[in-house]
C-alpha atoms as a PDB file:
ATOM      1  CA  MET A   1      -6.139   7.906  -6.773  1.00  0.00           C
ATOM      2  CA  GLY A   2      -3.287   8.200  -4.297  1.00  0.00           C
ATOM      3  CA  HIS A   3      -3.045   9.057  -0.660  1.00  0.00           C
ATOM      4  CA  GLY A   4       0.116   9.674   1.254  1.00  0.00           C
ATOM      5  CA  SER A   5       2.284  11.330   3.796  1.00  0.00           C
ATOM      6  CA  GLU A   6       5.962  12.060   4.175  1.00  0.00           C
ATOM      7  CA  HIS A   7       6.577   8.292   4.596  1.00  0.00           C
ATOM      8  CA  GLY A   8       4.954   7.035   1.443  1.00  0.00           C
ATOM      9  CA  LYS A   9       1.644   6.463  -0.182  1.00  0.00           C
ATOM     10  CA  VAL A  10      -1.192   4.048  -0.596  1.00  0.00           C
ATOM     11  CA  ASP A  11      -2.272   4.133  -4.218  1.00  0.00           C
ATOM     12  CA  VAL A  12      -5.067   2.532  -6.241  1.00  0.00           C
ATOM     13  CA  PRO A  13      -3.994   2.957  -9.874  1.00  0.00           C
ATOM     14  CA  ALA A  14      -6.873   3.195 -12.361  1.00  0.00           C
ATOM     15  CA  GLU A  15      -6.516   1.123 -15.494  1.00  0.00           C
ATOM     16  CA  ALA A  16      -9.686  -0.093 -17.157  1.00  0.00           C
ATOM     17  CA  GLY A  17     -10.033  -3.816 -17.691  1.00  0.00           C
ATOM     18  CA  SER A  18      -7.000  -4.834 -15.707  1.00  0.00           C
ATOM     19  CA  THR A  19      -6.283  -6.426 -12.384  1.00  0.00           C
ATOM     20  CA  LEU A  20      -6.912  -3.866  -9.662  1.00  0.00           C
ATOM     21  CA  SER A  21      -4.178  -3.436  -7.101  1.00  0.00           C
ATOM     22  CA  VAL A  22      -3.392  -1.290  -4.110  1.00  0.00           C
ATOM     23  CA  ASN A  23       0.269  -0.385  -3.953  1.00  0.00           C
ATOM     24  CA  ILE A  24       1.773   0.402  -0.564  1.00  0.00           C
ATOM     25  CA  THR A  25       4.884   2.414  -1.346  1.00  0.00           C
ATOM     26  CA  ILE A  26       7.581   3.606   1.005  1.00  0.00           C
ATOM     27  CA  GLU A  27       8.687   6.774  -0.742  1.00  0.00           C
ATOM     28  CA  ASN A  28      12.213   7.769  -1.625  1.00  0.00           C
ATOM     29  CA  ASP A  29      14.155   4.512  -1.610  1.00  0.00           C
ATOM     30  CA  ALA A  30      17.433   6.466  -1.835  1.00  0.00           C
ATOM     31  CA  ASP A  31      16.784   8.141   1.518  1.00  0.00           C
ATOM     32  CA  ILE A  32      15.702   4.820   2.993  1.00  0.00           C
ATOM     33  CA  ALA A  33      18.887   3.173   1.710  1.00  0.00           C
ATOM     34  CA  ARG A  34      20.946   5.863   3.464  1.00  0.00           C
ATOM     35  CA  LEU A  35      18.956   5.294   6.652  1.00  0.00           C
ATOM     36  CA  MET A  36      19.628   1.549   6.414  1.00  0.00           C
ATOM     37  CA  GLN A  37      23.317   2.272   6.818  1.00  0.00           C
ATOM     38  CA  THR A  38      22.741   3.973  10.182  1.00  0.00           C
ATOM     39  CA  LEU A  39      19.790   2.109  11.712  1.00  0.00           C
ATOM     40  CA  PRO A  40      19.672  -1.479  12.869  1.00  0.00           C
ATOM     41  CA  PRO A  41      18.046  -3.968  10.458  1.00  0.00           C
ATOM     42  CA  GLU A  42      15.377  -4.636  13.084  1.00  0.00           C
ATOM     43  CA  VAL A  43      13.800  -1.257  12.204  1.00  0.00           C
ATOM     44  CA  PHE A  44      13.320  -2.225   8.586  1.00  0.00           C
ATOM     45  CA  ASN A  45      12.177  -5.724   9.498  1.00  0.00           C
ATOM     46  CA  ALA A  46       9.592  -4.238  11.867  1.00  0.00           C
ATOM     47  CA  VAL A  47       8.292  -1.822   9.209  1.00  0.00           C
ATOM     48  CA  GLN A  48       8.214  -4.611   6.614  1.00  0.00           C
ATOM     49  CA  GLU A  49       6.238  -6.905   8.923  1.00  0.00           C
ATOM     50  CA  TRP A  50       3.857  -4.063   9.844  1.00  0.00           C
ATOM     51  CA  THR A  51       3.316  -3.346   6.141  1.00  0.00           C
ATOM     52  CA  LYS A  52       2.474  -7.001   5.521  1.00  0.00           C
ATOM     53  CA  GLU A  53       0.010  -6.953   8.426  1.00  0.00           C
ATOM     54  CA  ILE A  54      -1.664  -3.827   7.039  1.00  0.00           C
ATOM     55  CA  ALA A  55      -1.885  -5.412   3.563  1.00  0.00           C
ATOM     56  CA  VAL A  56      -3.719  -8.375   5.088  1.00  0.00           C
ATOM     57  CA  ARG A  57      -6.074  -5.997   6.922  1.00  0.00           C
ATOM     58  CA  LEU A  58      -6.667  -3.995   3.755  1.00  0.00           C
ATOM     59  CA  ALA A  59      -7.567  -7.184   1.838  1.00  0.00           C
ATOM     60  CA  GLU A  60      -9.904  -8.279   4.649  1.00  0.00           C
ATOM     61  CA  ARG A  61     -11.646  -4.895   4.666  1.00  0.00           C
ATOM     62  CA  ALA A  62     -11.989  -4.880   0.865  1.00  0.00           C
ATOM     63  CA  LYS A  63     -13.596  -8.335   1.077  1.00  0.00           C
ATOM     64  CA  GLU A  64     -16.072  -7.004   3.640  1.00  0.00           C
ATOM     65  CA  ILE A  65     -17.304  -4.196   1.381  1.00  0.00           C
ATOM     66  CA  VAL A  66     -16.875  -5.515  -2.179  1.00  0.00           C
ATOM     67  CA  PRO A  67     -20.204  -6.046  -3.950  1.00  0.00           C
ATOM     68  CA  VAL A  68     -20.819  -9.783  -4.332  1.00  0.00           C
ATOM     69  CA  ARG A  69     -22.640 -11.386  -7.205  1.00  0.00           C
ATOM     70  CA  THR A  70     -20.863 -14.674  -7.885  1.00  0.00           C
ATOM     71  CA  GLY A  71     -18.092 -14.422  -5.288  1.00  0.00           C
ATOM     72  CA  HIS A  72     -15.335 -14.529  -7.931  1.00  0.00           C
ATOM     73  CA  LEU A  73     -14.249 -10.926  -7.323  1.00  0.00           C
ATOM     74  CA  LEU A  74     -14.403 -11.420  -3.546  1.00  0.00           C
ATOM     75  CA  ASP A  75     -12.254 -14.556  -3.772  1.00  0.00           C
ATOM     76  CA  SER A  76      -9.702 -12.764  -5.970  1.00  0.00           C
ATOM     77  CA  ILE A  77      -8.824 -10.106  -3.353  1.00  0.00           C
ATOM     78  CA  ASN A  78      -5.520 -11.016  -1.709  1.00  0.00           C
ATOM     79  CA  PRO A  79      -2.276  -9.508  -0.455  1.00  0.00           C
ATOM     80  CA  VAL A  80       0.768 -10.295  -2.599  1.00  0.00           C
ATOM     81  CA  PHE A  81       4.325 -10.129  -1.273  1.00  0.00           C
ATOM     82  CA  GLY A  82       7.854 -10.008  -2.657  1.00  0.00           C
ATOM     83  CA  GLU A  83       8.701 -11.498  -6.024  1.00  0.00           C
ATOM     84  CA  ASP A  84       5.035 -12.196  -6.813  1.00  0.00           C
ATOM     85  CA  VAL A  85       4.323  -8.438  -7.016  1.00  0.00           C
ATOM     86  CA  GLU A  86       3.998  -7.149 -10.548  1.00  0.00           C
ATOM     87  CA  ASP A  87       5.764  -3.782 -10.834  1.00  0.00           C
ATOM     88  CA  PRO A  88       5.974  -2.473 -14.401  1.00  0.00           C
ATOM     89  CA  ASP A  89       7.527   0.777 -13.110  1.00  0.00           C
ATOM     90  CA  SER A  90      10.494  -0.941 -11.457  1.00  0.00           C
ATOM     91  CA  ASP A  91      13.881  -0.192 -12.932  1.00  0.00           C
ATOM     92  CA  GLY A  92      15.319  -3.346 -11.366  1.00  0.00           C
ATOM     93  CA  SER A  93      17.397  -1.508  -8.770  1.00  0.00           C
ATOM     94  CA  PRO A  94      17.441  -2.887  -5.223  1.00  0.00           C
ATOM     95  CA  ARG A  95      14.693  -1.719  -2.923  1.00  0.00           C
ATOM     96  CA  ALA A  96      14.833  -0.991   0.757  1.00  0.00           C
ATOM     97  CA  PHE A  97      11.584  -2.885   1.334  1.00  0.00           C
ATOM     98  CA  GLU A  98      10.027  -5.982  -0.170  1.00  0.00           C
ATOM     99  CA  PRO A  99       7.206  -4.949  -2.535  1.00  0.00           C
ATOM    100  CA  ILE A 100       3.667  -5.489  -1.269  1.00  0.00           C
ATOM    101  CA  GLN A 101       0.338  -5.180  -3.081  1.00  0.00           C
ATOM    102  CA  VAL A 102      -3.266  -6.026  -2.436  1.00  0.00           C
ATOM    103  CA  VAL A 103      -4.866  -7.223  -5.668  1.00  0.00           C
ATOM    104  CA  ALA A 104      -8.330  -7.967  -6.966  1.00  0.00           C
ATOM    105  CA  ASP A 105      -7.340 -10.367  -9.717  1.00  0.00           C
ATOM    106  CA  THR A 106     -10.293 -10.348 -12.094  1.00  0.00           C
ATOM    107  CA  PRO A 107     -10.519  -8.594 -15.455  1.00  0.00           C
ATOM    108  CA  TYR A 108     -13.558  -6.611 -14.288  1.00  0.00           C
ATOM    109  CA  ALA A 109     -12.312  -5.449 -10.860  1.00  0.00           C
ATOM    110  CA  SER A 110     -11.467  -1.960 -12.124  1.00  0.00           C
ATOM    111  CA  PHE A 111     -14.918  -1.638 -13.706  1.00  0.00           C
ATOM    112  CA  VAL A 112     -16.533  -2.355 -10.337  1.00  0.00           C
ATOM    113  CA  GLU A 113     -14.154   0.020  -8.499  1.00  0.00           C
ATOM    114  CA  PHE A 114     -14.329   2.951 -10.929  1.00  0.00           C
ATOM    115  CA  GLY A 115     -17.526   2.272 -12.867  1.00  0.00           C
ATOM    116  CA  THR A 116     -18.123   2.531 -16.598  1.00  0.00           C
ATOM    117  CA  SER A 117     -20.305   4.677 -18.820  1.00  0.00           C
ATOM    118  CA  LYS A 118     -23.120   2.197 -18.074  1.00  0.00           C
ATOM    119  CA  MET A 119     -22.283   1.180 -14.506  1.00  0.00           C
ATOM    120  CA  THR A 120     -22.033   3.221 -11.334  1.00  0.00           C
ATOM    121  CA  PRO A 121     -18.755   2.799  -9.415  1.00  0.00           C
ATOM    122  CA  GLN A 122     -18.887   0.543  -6.383  1.00  0.00           C
ATOM    123  CA  PRO A 123     -15.464   1.215  -4.858  1.00  0.00           C
ATOM    124  CA  PHE A 124     -14.026  -1.311  -2.442  1.00  0.00           C
ATOM    125  CA  MET A 125     -10.225  -1.007  -2.706  1.00  0.00           C
ATOM    126  CA  GLY A 126     -10.000   2.792  -2.488  1.00  0.00           C
ATOM    127  CA  PRO A 127     -12.179   3.068   0.631  1.00  0.00           C
ATOM    128  CA  SER A 128     -10.326   0.147   2.234  1.00  0.00           C
ATOM    129  CA  ALA A 129      -6.973   1.820   1.546  1.00  0.00           C
ATOM    130  CA  GLU A 130      -8.272   5.107   2.984  1.00  0.00           C
ATOM    131  CA  GLU A 131      -9.405   3.306   6.146  1.00  0.00           C
ATOM    132  CA  VAL A 132      -6.116   1.540   6.880  1.00  0.00           C
ATOM    133  CA  GLU A 133      -3.738   4.299   5.767  1.00  0.00           C
ATOM    134  CA  PRO A 134      -3.828   6.344   9.017  1.00  0.00           C
ATOM    135  CA  GLU A 135      -3.297   3.171  11.044  1.00  0.00           C
ATOM    136  CA  TYR A 136      -0.384   2.201   8.811  1.00  0.00           C
ATOM    137  CA  PHE A 137       1.476   5.483   9.183  1.00  0.00           C
ATOM    138  CA  ALA A 138       0.695   5.640  12.912  1.00  0.00           C
ATOM    139  CA  GLY A 139       2.253   2.178  13.218  1.00  0.00           C
ATOM    140  CA  VAL A 140       5.374   3.265  11.330  1.00  0.00           C
ATOM    141  CA  ASP A 141       5.636   6.305  13.615  1.00  0.00           C
ATOM    142  CA  SER A 142       5.222   4.035  16.639  1.00  0.00           C
ATOM    143  CA  ILE A 143       8.040   1.764  15.450  1.00  0.00           C
ATOM    144  CA  LEU A 144      10.338   4.767  15.021  1.00  0.00           C
ATOM    145  CA  GLU A 145       9.324   6.303  18.366  1.00  0.00           C
ATOM    146  CA  GLY A 146       9.935   2.946  20.064  1.00  0.00           C
ATOM    147  CA  LEU A 147      13.539   3.288  18.991  1.00  0.00           C
ATOM    148  CA  GLY A 148      13.760   6.849  20.239  1.00  0.00           C
ATOM    149  CA  LEU A 149      13.413   8.279  16.747  1.00  0.00           C
ATOM    150  CA  GLU A 150      10.866  10.865  15.774  1.00  0.00           C
ATOM    151  CA  ARG A 151       9.836  11.898  12.339  1.00  0.00           C
ATOM    152  CA  ALA A 152      10.555  15.566  11.671  1.00  0.00           C
ATOM    153  CA  ASP A 153       7.489  17.489  10.631  1.00  0.00           C
ATOM    154  CA  GLU A 154       7.590  19.306   7.304  1.00  0.00           C
ATOM    155  CA  SER A 155       8.446  22.715   8.807  1.00  0.00           C
ATOM    156  CA  GLU A 156      11.501  21.273  10.577  1.00  0.00           C
ATOM    157  CA  ALA A 157      12.608  19.479   7.413  1.00  0.00           C
ATOM    158  CA  LEU A 158      12.375  22.719   5.408  1.00  0.00           C
ATOM    159  CA  GLU A 159      14.608  24.542   7.892  1.00  0.00           C
ATOM    160  CA  GLN A 160      17.460  22.025   7.449  1.00  0.00           C
END
């Protein structure tokens, strides 16, 4: 399940029996790397800090709505930053932004989120990601607008 915009995506990958994570991805690192050469580092620092703040909010919201039986799943929901992020898809090349995830680190988190043949899904990460995503991208837009930059809409980008 993925949600996104021109900036990136918020994705809850489904893999049965594994740690459940929400990946906040800034799309197209190559374009971002080119932008880094022309924009001040403060822009990227501001977006990175905003992304961390949103990850914390996403974890807090997931903890508010996760079904609680023993509290183990609730306690396992946390944001993870930088080198602690597990990224099996990484090719090792440098990234424009520090990786950020929100994880539910129990073996049964995905069963709760997506359900099983014998258990109805009780999603908590997906709905939390959907709630914070508009705020996240609005914040990124606000950072860019604060610097006098505006994101081109898709029709303008197609004309170029």
